[in-house]
PDB file of all heavy atoms in Angstrom:
ATOM      1  N   ARG A   1      -2.309  51.867 -54.227  1.00  0.00           N
ATOM      2  CA  ARG A   1      -1.634  53.129 -54.479  1.00  0.00           C
ATOM      3  C   ARG A   1      -0.680  52.983 -55.666  1.00  0.00           C
ATOM      4  O   ARG A   1      -1.071  52.468 -56.696  1.00  0.00           O
ATOM      5  CB  ARG A   1      -0.963  53.638 -53.194  1.00  0.00           C
ATOM      6  CG  ARG A   1      -1.981  53.811 -52.042  1.00  0.00           C
ATOM      7  CD  ARG A   1      -1.376  54.370 -50.780  1.00  0.00           C
ATOM      8  NE  ARG A   1      -1.078  55.789 -50.955  1.00  0.00           N
ATOM      9  CZ  ARG A   1      -1.977  56.772 -50.843  1.00  0.00           C
ATOM     10  NH1 ARG A   1      -3.246  56.487 -50.586  1.00  0.00           N
ATOM     11  NH2 ARG A   1      -1.629  58.020 -50.997  1.00  0.00           N
ATOM     12  N   SER A   2       0.586  53.378 -55.552  1.00  0.00           N
ATOM     13  CA  SER A   2       1.472  53.309 -56.720  1.00  0.00           C
ATOM     14  C   SER A   2       1.700  51.867 -57.164  1.00  0.00           C
ATOM     15  O   SER A   2       1.953  51.604 -58.347  1.00  0.00           O
ATOM     16  CB  SER A   2       2.813  53.978 -56.414  1.00  0.00           C
ATOM     17  OG  SER A   2       3.489  53.325 -55.363  1.00  0.00           O
ATOM     18  N   SER A   3       1.615  50.924 -56.235  1.00  0.00           N
ATOM     19  CA  SER A   3       1.812  49.513 -56.578  1.00  0.00           C
ATOM     20  C   SER A   3       0.606  48.914 -57.298  1.00  0.00           C
ATOM     21  O   SER A   3       0.702  47.819 -57.849  1.00  0.00           O
ATOM     22  CB  SER A   3       2.112  48.691 -55.315  1.00  0.00           C
ATOM     23  OG  SER A   3       3.315  49.109 -54.717  1.00  0.00           O
ATOM     24  N   ALA A   4      -0.511  49.621 -57.277  1.00  0.00           N
ATOM     25  CA  ALA A   4      -1.711  49.111 -57.947  1.00  0.00           C
ATOM     26  C   ALA A   4      -1.489  48.971 -59.447  1.00  0.00           C
ATOM     27  O   ALA A   4      -2.042  48.069 -60.087  1.00  0.00           O
ATOM     28  CB  ALA A   4      -2.887  50.034 -57.670  1.00  0.00           C
ATOM     29  N   SER A   5      -0.673  49.857 -60.025  1.00  0.00           N
ATOM     30  CA  SER A   5      -0.413  49.772 -61.465  1.00  0.00           C
ATOM     31  C   SER A   5       0.349  48.487 -61.800  1.00  0.00           C
ATOM     32  O   SER A   5       0.083  47.851 -62.833  1.00  0.00           O
ATOM     33  CB  SER A   5       0.379  50.992 -61.929  1.00  0.00           C
ATOM     34  OG  SER A   5       1.613  51.102 -61.229  1.00  0.00           O
ATOM     35  N   LEU A   6       1.280  48.096 -60.934  1.00  0.00           N
ATOM     36  CA  LEU A   6       2.015  46.846 -61.138  1.00  0.00           C
ATOM     37  C   LEU A   6       1.080  45.646 -61.019  1.00  0.00           C
ATOM     38  O   LEU A   6       1.144  44.712 -61.821  1.00  0.00           O
ATOM     39  CB  LEU A   6       3.147  46.727 -60.116  1.00  0.00           C
ATOM     40  CG  LEU A   6       4.283  47.753 -60.226  1.00  0.00           C
ATOM     41  CD1 LEU A   6       5.215  47.614 -59.024  1.00  0.00           C
ATOM     42  CD2 LEU A   6       5.058  47.578 -61.519  1.00  0.00           C
ATOM     43  N   ALA A   7       0.219  45.674 -60.000  1.00  0.00           N
ATOM     44  CA  ALA A   7      -0.718  44.575 -59.798  1.00  0.00           C
ATOM     45  C   ALA A   7      -1.683  44.454 -60.977  1.00  0.00           C
ATOM     46  O   ALA A   7      -1.977  43.348 -61.451  1.00  0.00           O
ATOM     47  CB  ALA A   7      -1.491  44.782 -58.497  1.00  0.00           C
ATOM     48  N   SER A   8      -2.166  45.587 -61.471  1.00  0.00           N
ATOM     49  CA  SER A   8      -3.107  45.568 -62.600  1.00  0.00           C
ATOM     50  C   SER A   8      -2.445  45.038 -63.870  1.00  0.00           C
ATOM     51  O   SER A   8      -3.054  44.275 -64.627  1.00  0.00           O
ATOM     52  CB  SER A   8      -3.655  46.973 -62.851  1.00  0.00           C
ATOM     53  OG  SER A   8      -4.421  47.411 -61.763  1.00  0.00           O
ATOM     54  N   PHE A   9      -1.201  45.452 -64.112  1.00  0.00           N
ATOM     55  CA  PHE A   9      -0.465  44.975 -65.282  1.00  0.00           C
ATOM     56  C   PHE A   9      -0.277  43.460 -65.204  1.00  0.00           C
ATOM     57  O   PHE A   9      -0.482  42.743 -66.194  1.00  0.00           O
ATOM     58  CB  PHE A   9       0.891  45.675 -65.347  1.00  0.00           C
ATOM     59  CG  PHE A   9       1.763  45.224 -66.490  1.00  0.00           C
ATOM     60  CD1 PHE A   9       1.616  45.775 -67.748  1.00  0.00           C
ATOM     61  CD2 PHE A   9       2.732  44.248 -66.300  1.00  0.00           C
ATOM     62  CE1 PHE A   9       2.419  45.360 -68.814  1.00  0.00           C
ATOM     63  CE2 PHE A   9       3.539  43.822 -67.345  1.00  0.00           C
ATOM     64  CZ  PHE A   9       3.387  44.375 -68.604  1.00  0.00           C
ATOM     65  N   PHE A  10       0.120  42.976 -64.030  1.00  0.00           N
ATOM     66  CA  PHE A  10       0.327  41.538 -63.850  1.00  0.00           C
ATOM     67  C   PHE A  10      -0.988  40.784 -64.037  1.00  0.00           C
ATOM     68  O   PHE A  10      -1.046  39.764 -64.736  1.00  0.00           O
ATOM     69  CB  PHE A  10       0.900  41.281 -62.456  1.00  0.00           C
ATOM     70  CG  PHE A  10       1.245  39.846 -62.192  1.00  0.00           C
ATOM     71  CD1 PHE A  10       2.199  39.190 -62.950  1.00  0.00           C
ATOM     72  CD2 PHE A  10       0.633  39.144 -61.162  1.00  0.00           C
ATOM     73  CE1 PHE A  10       2.534  37.867 -62.707  1.00  0.00           C
ATOM     74  CE2 PHE A  10       0.959  37.821 -60.911  1.00  0.00           C
ATOM     75  CZ  PHE A  10       1.903  37.179 -61.684  1.00  0.00           C
ATOM     76  N   TYR A  11      -2.056  41.283 -63.437  1.00  0.00           N
ATOM     77  CA  TYR A  11      -3.362  40.630 -63.533  1.00  0.00           C
ATOM     78  C   TYR A  11      -3.854  40.604 -64.981  1.00  0.00           C
ATOM     79  O   TYR A  11      -4.323  39.564 -65.465  1.00  0.00           O
ATOM     80  CB  TYR A  11      -4.380  41.361 -62.659  1.00  0.00           C
ATOM     81  CG  TYR A  11      -5.795  40.895 -62.877  1.00  0.00           C
ATOM     82  CD1 TYR A  11      -6.267  39.730 -62.279  1.00  0.00           C
ATOM     83  CD2 TYR A  11      -6.664  41.611 -63.697  1.00  0.00           C
ATOM     84  CE1 TYR A  11      -7.564  39.287 -62.494  1.00  0.00           C
ATOM     85  CE2 TYR A  11      -7.956  41.184 -63.920  1.00  0.00           C
ATOM     86  CZ  TYR A  11      -8.397  40.018 -63.317  1.00  0.00           C
ATOM     87  OH  TYR A  11      -9.671  39.578 -63.539  1.00  0.00           O
ATOM     88  N   PHE A  12      -3.746  41.734 -65.671  1.00  0.00           N
ATOM     89  CA  PHE A  12      -4.244  41.811 -67.041  1.00  0.00           C
ATOM     90  C   PHE A  12      -3.586  40.758 -67.929  1.00  0.00           C
ATOM     91  O   PHE A  12      -4.261  40.048 -68.689  1.00  0.00           O
ATOM     92  CB  PHE A  12      -3.988  43.207 -67.622  1.00  0.00           C
ATOM     93  CG  PHE A  12      -4.291  43.316 -69.094  1.00  0.00           C
ATOM     94  CD1 PHE A  12      -5.593  43.482 -69.530  1.00  0.00           C
ATOM     95  CD2 PHE A  12      -3.278  43.223 -70.040  1.00  0.00           C
ATOM     96  CE1 PHE A  12      -5.876  43.558 -70.893  1.00  0.00           C
ATOM     97  CE2 PHE A  12      -3.554  43.295 -71.395  1.00  0.00           C
ATOM     98  CZ  PHE A  12      -4.857  43.470 -71.819  1.00  0.00           C
ATOM     99  N   ASN A  13      -2.267  40.641 -67.846  1.00  0.00           N
ATOM    100  CA  ASN A  13      -1.557  39.712 -68.721  1.00  0.00           C
ATOM    101  C   ASN A  13      -1.699  38.259 -68.279  1.00  0.00           C
ATOM    102  O   ASN A  13      -1.844  37.367 -69.118  1.00  0.00           O
ATOM    103  CB  ASN A  13      -0.077  40.101 -68.781  1.00  0.00           C
ATOM    104  CG  ASN A  13       0.158  41.349 -69.596  1.00  0.00           C
ATOM    105  OD1 ASN A  13       0.142  41.327 -70.817  1.00  0.00           O
ATOM    106  ND2 ASN A  13       0.354  42.470 -68.911  1.00  0.00           N
ATOM    107  N   LEU A  14      -1.683  38.016 -66.975  1.00  0.00           N
ATOM    108  CA  LEU A  14      -1.843  36.648 -66.494  1.00  0.00           C
ATOM    109  C   LEU A  14      -3.258  36.144 -66.748  1.00  0.00           C
ATOM    110  O   LEU A  14      -3.481  34.953 -66.969  1.00  0.00           O
ATOM    111  CB  LEU A  14      -1.508  36.575 -64.996  1.00  0.00           C
ATOM    112  CG  LEU A  14      -1.063  35.210 -64.457  1.00  0.00           C
ATOM    113  CD1 LEU A  14       0.235  34.766 -65.135  1.00  0.00           C
ATOM    114  CD2 LEU A  14      -0.869  35.260 -62.945  1.00  0.00           C
ATOM    115  N   ASN A  15      -4.211  37.053 -66.756  1.00  0.00           N
ATOM    116  CA  ASN A  15      -5.604  36.687 -67.003  1.00  0.00           C
ATOM    117  C   ASN A  15      -5.832  36.219 -68.435  1.00  0.00           C
ATOM    118  O   ASN A  15      -6.831  35.553 -68.730  1.00  0.00           O
ATOM    119  CB  ASN A  15      -6.508  37.886 -66.688  1.00  0.00           C
ATOM    120  CG  ASN A  15      -7.961  37.492 -66.590  1.00  0.00           C
ATOM    121  OD1 ASN A  15      -8.305  36.529 -65.918  1.00  0.00           O
ATOM    122  ND2 ASN A  15      -8.822  38.247 -67.246  1.00  0.00           N
ATOM    123  N   LEU A  16      -4.905  36.560 -69.339  1.00  0.00           N
ATOM    124  CA  LEU A  16      -4.988  36.058 -70.705  1.00  0.00           C
ATOM    125  C   LEU A  16      -4.568  34.587 -70.788  1.00  0.00           C
ATOM    126  O   LEU A  16      -4.831  33.910 -71.781  1.00  0.00           O
ATOM    127  CB  LEU A  16      -4.091  36.890 -71.627  1.00  0.00           C
ATOM    128  CG  LEU A  16      -4.474  38.365 -71.801  1.00  0.00           C
ATOM    129  CD1 LEU A  16      -3.420  39.092 -72.620  1.00  0.00           C
ATOM    130  CD2 LEU A  16      -5.845  38.490 -72.458  1.00  0.00           C
ATOM    131  N   ILE A  17      -3.909  34.118 -69.715  1.00  0.00           N
ATOM    132  CA  ILE A  17      -3.387  32.749 -69.695  1.00  0.00           C
ATOM    133  C   ILE A  17      -4.210  31.843 -68.786  1.00  0.00           C
ATOM    134  O   ILE A  17      -4.473  30.690 -69.116  1.00  0.00           O
ATOM    135  CB  ILE A  17      -1.916  32.744 -69.225  1.00  0.00           C
ATOM    136  CG1 ILE A  17      -1.074  33.664 -70.122  1.00  0.00           C
ATOM    137  CG2 ILE A  17      -1.347  31.336 -69.217  1.00  0.00           C
ATOM    138  CD1 ILE A  17       0.344  33.854 -69.631  1.00  0.00           C
ATOM    139  N   PHE A  18      -4.640  32.373 -67.644  1.00  0.00           N
ATOM    140  CA  PHE A  18      -5.360  31.574 -66.646  1.00  0.00           C
ATOM    141  C   PHE A  18      -6.776  32.097 -66.437  1.00  0.00           C
ATOM    142  O   PHE A  18      -7.052  33.286 -66.645  1.00  0.00           O
ATOM    143  CB  PHE A  18      -4.626  31.617 -65.300  1.00  0.00           C
ATOM    144  CG  PHE A  18      -3.261  30.982 -65.317  1.00  0.00           C
ATOM    145  CD1 PHE A  18      -2.125  31.777 -65.267  1.00  0.00           C
ATOM    146  CD2 PHE A  18      -3.099  29.610 -65.372  1.00  0.00           C
ATOM    147  CE1 PHE A  18      -0.867  31.212 -65.280  1.00  0.00           C
ATOM    148  CE2 PHE A  18      -1.845  29.034 -65.384  1.00  0.00           C
ATOM    149  CZ  PHE A  18      -0.727  29.834 -65.334  1.00  0.00           C
ATOM    150  N   ASP A  19      -7.651  31.192 -65.990  1.00  0.00           N
ATOM    151  CA  ASP A  19      -9.017  31.573 -65.643  1.00  0.00           C
ATOM    152  C   ASP A  19      -9.204  31.737 -64.135  1.00  0.00           C
ATOM    153  O   ASP A  19     -10.219  32.279 -63.696  1.00  0.00           O
ATOM    154  CB  ASP A  19     -10.016  30.519 -66.152  1.00  0.00           C
ATOM    155  CG  ASP A  19     -10.039  30.457 -67.676  1.00  0.00           C
ATOM    156  OD1 ASP A  19      -9.998  31.532 -68.303  1.00  0.00           O
ATOM    157  OD2 ASP A  19     -10.084  29.337 -68.217  1.00  0.00           O
ATOM    158  N   ASN A  20      -8.249  31.238 -63.365  1.00  0.00           N
ATOM    159  CA  ASN A  20      -8.413  31.195 -61.904  1.00  0.00           C
ATOM    160  C   ASN A  20      -7.760  32.386 -61.225  1.00  0.00           C
ATOM    161  O   ASN A  20      -6.995  32.260 -60.276  1.00  0.00           O
ATOM    162  CB  ASN A  20      -7.819  29.900 -61.353  1.00  0.00           C
ATOM    163  CG  ASN A  20      -6.346  29.725 -61.713  1.00  0.00           C
ATOM    164  OD1 ASN A  20      -5.880  30.250 -62.716  1.00  0.00           O
ATOM    165  ND2 ASN A  20      -5.627  28.975 -60.894  1.00  0.00           N
ATOM    166  N   LEU A  21      -8.063  33.584 -61.728  1.00  0.00           N
ATOM    167  CA  LEU A  21      -7.441  34.799 -61.221  1.00  0.00           C
ATOM    168  C   LEU A  21      -8.475  35.722 -60.597  1.00  0.00           C
ATOM    169  O   LEU A  21      -9.610  35.797 -61.066  1.00  0.00           O
ATOM    170  CB  LEU A  21      -6.736  35.554 -62.364  1.00  0.00           C
ATOM    171  CG  LEU A  21      -5.226  35.728 -62.210  1.00  0.00           C
ATOM    172  CD1 LEU A  21      -4.547  34.391 -62.417  1.00  0.00           C
ATOM    173  CD2 LEU A  21      -4.695  36.742 -63.198  1.00  0.00           C
ATOM    174  N   LYS A  22      -8.030  36.434 -59.560  1.00  0.00           N
ATOM    175  CA  LYS A  22      -8.892  37.444 -58.946  1.00  0.00           C
ATOM    176  C   LYS A  22      -8.040  38.640 -58.570  1.00  0.00           C
ATOM    177  O   LYS A  22      -7.054  38.513 -57.843  1.00  0.00           O
ATOM    178  CB  LYS A  22      -9.590  36.885 -57.698  1.00  0.00           C
ATOM    179  CG  LYS A  22     -10.533  37.880 -57.038  1.00  0.00           C
ATOM    180  CD  LYS A  22     -11.325  37.232 -55.939  1.00  0.00           C
ATOM    181  CE  LYS A  22     -12.340  38.215 -55.349  1.00  0.00           C
ATOM    182  NZ  LYS A  22     -13.166  37.588 -54.288  1.00  0.00           N
ATOM    183  N   LEU A  23      -8.404  39.818 -59.077  1.00  0.00           N
ATOM    184  CA  LEU A  23      -7.736  41.057 -58.706  1.00  0.00           C
ATOM    185  C   LEU A  23      -8.459  41.630 -57.496  1.00  0.00           C
ATOM    186  O   LEU A  23      -9.627  42.003 -57.578  1.00  0.00           O
ATOM    187  CB  LEU A  23      -7.760  42.058 -59.864  1.00  0.00           C
ATOM    188  CG  LEU A  23      -7.091  43.409 -59.603  1.00  0.00           C
ATOM    189  CD1 LEU A  23      -5.597  43.237 -59.339  1.00  0.00           C
ATOM    190  CD2 LEU A  23      -7.315  44.349 -60.792  1.00  0.00           C
ATOM    191  N   VAL A  24      -7.782  41.681 -56.374  1.00  0.00           N
ATOM    192  CA  VAL A  24      -8.385  42.194 -55.144  1.00  0.00           C
ATOM    193  C   VAL A  24      -8.457  43.707 -55.236  1.00  0.00           C
ATOM    194  O   VAL A  24      -7.444  44.381 -55.461  1.00  0.00           O
ATOM    195  CB  VAL A  24      -7.562  41.770 -53.909  1.00  0.00           C
ATOM    196  CG1 VAL A  24      -8.205  42.310 -52.636  1.00  0.00           C
ATOM    197  CG2 VAL A  24      -7.440  40.250 -53.848  1.00  0.00           C
ATOM    198  N   GLN A  25      -9.654  44.243 -55.061  1.00  0.00           N
ATOM    199  CA  GLN A  25      -9.877  45.683 -55.141  1.00  0.00           C
ATOM    200  C   GLN A  25      -9.937  46.248 -53.725  1.00  0.00           C
ATOM    201  O   GLN A  25     -10.959  46.129 -53.049  1.00  0.00           O
ATOM    202  CB  GLN A  25     -11.191  45.981 -55.889  1.00  0.00           C
ATOM    203  CG  GLN A  25     -11.262  45.381 -57.276  1.00  0.00           C
ATOM    204  CD  GLN A  25     -10.387  46.119 -58.272  1.00  0.00           C
ATOM    205  OE1 GLN A  25      -9.831  47.173 -57.966  1.00  0.00           O
ATOM    206  NE2 GLN A  25     -10.258  45.590 -59.480  1.00  0.00           N
ATOM    207  N   PRO A  26      -8.862  46.858 -53.251  1.00  0.00           N
ATOM    208  CA  PRO A  26      -8.779  47.264 -51.840  1.00  0.00           C
ATOM    209  C   PRO A  26      -9.362  48.651 -51.568  1.00  0.00           C
ATOM    210  O   PRO A  26      -8.657  49.586 -51.202  1.00  0.00           O
ATOM    211  CB  PRO A  26      -7.275  47.247 -51.583  1.00  0.00           C
ATOM    212  CG  PRO A  26      -6.677  47.621 -52.894  1.00  0.00           C
ATOM    213  CD  PRO A  26      -7.612  47.109 -53.961  1.00  0.00           C
ATOM    214  N   THR A  27     -10.675  48.811 -51.751  1.00  0.00           N
ATOM    215  CA  THR A  27     -11.282  50.102 -51.471  1.00  0.00           C
ATOM    216  C   THR A  27     -11.336  50.381 -49.976  1.00  0.00           C
ATOM    217  O   THR A  27     -11.311  51.523 -49.544  1.00  0.00           O
ATOM    218  CB  THR A  27     -12.704  50.161 -52.056  1.00  0.00           C
ATOM    219  OG1 THR A  27     -13.448  49.012 -51.595  1.00  0.00           O
ATOM    220  CG2 THR A  27     -12.650  50.133 -53.582  1.00  0.00           C
ATOM    221  N   SER A  28     -11.409  49.331 -49.179  1.00  0.00           N
ATOM    222  CA  SER A  28     -11.353  49.471 -47.725  1.00  0.00           C
ATOM    223  C   SER A  28     -10.732  48.201 -47.156  1.00  0.00           C
ATOM    224  O   SER A  28     -10.715  47.153 -47.798  1.00  0.00           O
ATOM    225  CB  SER A  28     -12.743  49.684 -47.128  1.00  0.00           C
ATOM    226  OG  SER A  28     -13.525  48.504 -47.235  1.00  0.00           O
ATOM    227  N   THR A  29     -10.220  48.286 -45.921  1.00  0.00           N
ATOM    228  CA  THR A  29      -9.585  47.117 -45.306  1.00  0.00           C
ATOM    229  C   THR A  29     -10.574  45.976 -45.136  1.00  0.00           C
ATOM    230  O   THR A  29     -10.252  44.817 -45.391  1.00  0.00           O
ATOM    231  CB  THR A  29      -8.993  47.502 -43.932  1.00  0.00           C
ATOM    232  OG1 THR A  29      -8.047  48.554 -44.111  1.00  0.00           O
ATOM    233  CG2 THR A  29      -8.289  46.313 -43.297  1.00  0.00           C
ATOM    234  N   SER A  30     -11.813  46.289 -44.734  1.00  0.00           N
ATOM    235  CA  SER A  30     -12.815  45.241 -44.533  1.00  0.00           C
ATOM    236  C   SER A  30     -13.134  44.537 -45.845  1.00  0.00           C
ATOM    237  O   SER A  30     -13.300  43.306 -45.880  1.00  0.00           O
ATOM    238  CB  SER A  30     -14.097  45.829 -43.931  1.00  0.00           C
ATOM    239  OG  SER A  30     -14.667  46.795 -44.805  1.00  0.00           O
ATOM    240  N   GLU A  31     -13.171  45.289 -46.954  1.00  0.00           N
ATOM    241  CA  GLU A  31     -13.475  44.673 -48.246  1.00  0.00           C
ATOM    242  C   GLU A  31     -12.333  43.801 -48.742  1.00  0.00           C
ATOM    243  O   GLU A  31     -12.559  42.833 -49.462  1.00  0.00           O
ATOM    244  CB  GLU A  31     -13.817  45.756 -49.280  1.00  0.00           C
ATOM    245  CG  GLU A  31     -15.153  46.428 -49.019  1.00  0.00           C
ATOM    246  CD  GLU A  31     -15.552  47.375 -50.127  1.00  0.00           C
ATOM    247  OE1 GLU A  31     -14.868  47.404 -51.168  1.00  0.00           O
ATOM    248  OE2 GLU A  31     -16.545  48.091 -49.950  1.00  0.00           O
ATOM    249  N   VAL A  32     -11.110  44.132 -48.357  1.00  0.00           N
ATOM    250  CA  VAL A  32      -9.978  43.269 -48.707  1.00  0.00           C
ATOM    251  C   VAL A  32     -10.182  41.890 -48.100  1.00  0.00           C
ATOM    252  O   VAL A  32     -10.027  40.860 -48.772  1.00  0.00           O
ATOM    253  CB  VAL A  32      -8.647  43.883 -48.214  1.00  0.00           C
ATOM    254  CG1 VAL A  32      -7.521  42.863 -48.327  1.00  0.00           C
ATOM    255  CG2 VAL A  32      -8.305  45.118 -49.020  1.00  0.00           C
ATOM    256  N   PHE A  33     -10.556  41.840 -46.831  1.00  0.00           N
ATOM    257  CA  PHE A  33     -10.756  40.552 -46.173  1.00  0.00           C
ATOM    258  C   PHE A  33     -11.973  39.821 -46.731  1.00  0.00           C
ATOM    259  O   PHE A  33     -11.985  38.590 -46.805  1.00  0.00           O
ATOM    260  CB  PHE A  33     -10.904  40.750 -44.657  1.00  0.00           C
ATOM    261  CG  PHE A  33      -9.616  41.096 -43.984  1.00  0.00           C
ATOM    262  CD1 PHE A  33      -9.404  42.344 -43.465  1.00  0.00           C
ATOM    263  CD2 PHE A  33      -8.592  40.156 -43.891  1.00  0.00           C
ATOM    264  CE1 PHE A  33      -8.209  42.674 -42.854  1.00  0.00           C
ATOM    265  CE2 PHE A  33      -7.390  40.470 -43.290  1.00  0.00           C
ATOM    266  CZ  PHE A  33      -7.204  41.729 -42.766  1.00  0.00           C
ATOM    267  N   GLU A  34     -12.983  40.564 -47.141  1.00  0.00           N
ATOM    268  CA  GLU A  34     -14.149  39.928 -47.759  1.00  0.00           C
ATOM    269  C   GLU A  34     -13.758  39.253 -49.075  1.00  0.00           C
ATOM    270  O   GLU A  34     -14.209  38.148 -49.381  1.00  0.00           O
ATOM    271  CB  GLU A  34     -15.245  40.971 -48.009  1.00  0.00           C
ATOM    272  CG  GLU A  34     -15.891  41.477 -46.723  1.00  0.00           C
ATOM    273  CD  GLU A  34     -16.739  42.708 -46.948  1.00  0.00           C
ATOM    274  OE1 GLU A  34     -16.910  43.114 -48.116  1.00  0.00           O
ATOM    275  OE2 GLU A  34     -17.211  43.287 -45.948  1.00  0.00           O
TER     276      GLU A  34
END
Protein backbone atom coordinates (compact mmCIF):
# COMPACT_ATOMS: atom_id res chain seq x y z
CA ARG A 1 0.00 0.00 0.00
CA SER A 2 1.46 3.45 0.84
CA SER A 3 4.62 1.80 2.19
CA ALA A 4 5.18 0.06 -1.14
CA SER A 5 6.66 3.27 -2.56
CA LEU A 6 9.28 3.32 0.21
CA ALA A 7 10.10 -0.35 -0.35
CA SER A 8 10.41 0.16 -4.12
CA PHE A 9 12.68 3.19 -3.69
CA PHE A 10 14.92 1.26 -1.29
CA TYR A 11 15.01 -1.80 -3.56
CA PHE A 12 15.74 0.20 -6.71
CA ASN A 13 18.75 1.97 -5.22
CA LEU A 14 20.12 -0.96 -3.22
CA ASN A 15 19.83 -3.14 -6.31
CA LEU A 16 22.39 -0.88 -8.00
CA ILE A 17 24.86 -1.97 -5.31
CA PHE A 18 23.97 -5.60 -4.54
CA ASP A 19 22.94 -8.61 -6.60
CA ASN A 20 21.38 -10.55 -3.73
CA LEU A 21 18.13 -8.60 -3.55
CA LYS A 22 14.51 -9.64 -3.91
CA LEU A 23 11.51 -7.30 -3.88
CA VAL A 24 8.59 -9.26 -2.44
CA GLN A 25 5.46 -8.61 -4.47
CA PRO A 26 2.55 -9.04 -2.03
CA THR A 27 -0.38 -9.58 -4.40
CA SER A 28 -1.82 -12.10 -1.95
CA THR A 29 -0.87 -13.44 1.49
CA SER A 30 -0.15 -16.91 0.10
CA GLU A 31 2.19 -15.47 -2.54
CA VAL A 32 4.09 -13.54 0.11
CA PHE A 33 4.94 -16.81 1.85
CA GLU A 34 5.82 -18.44 -1.46
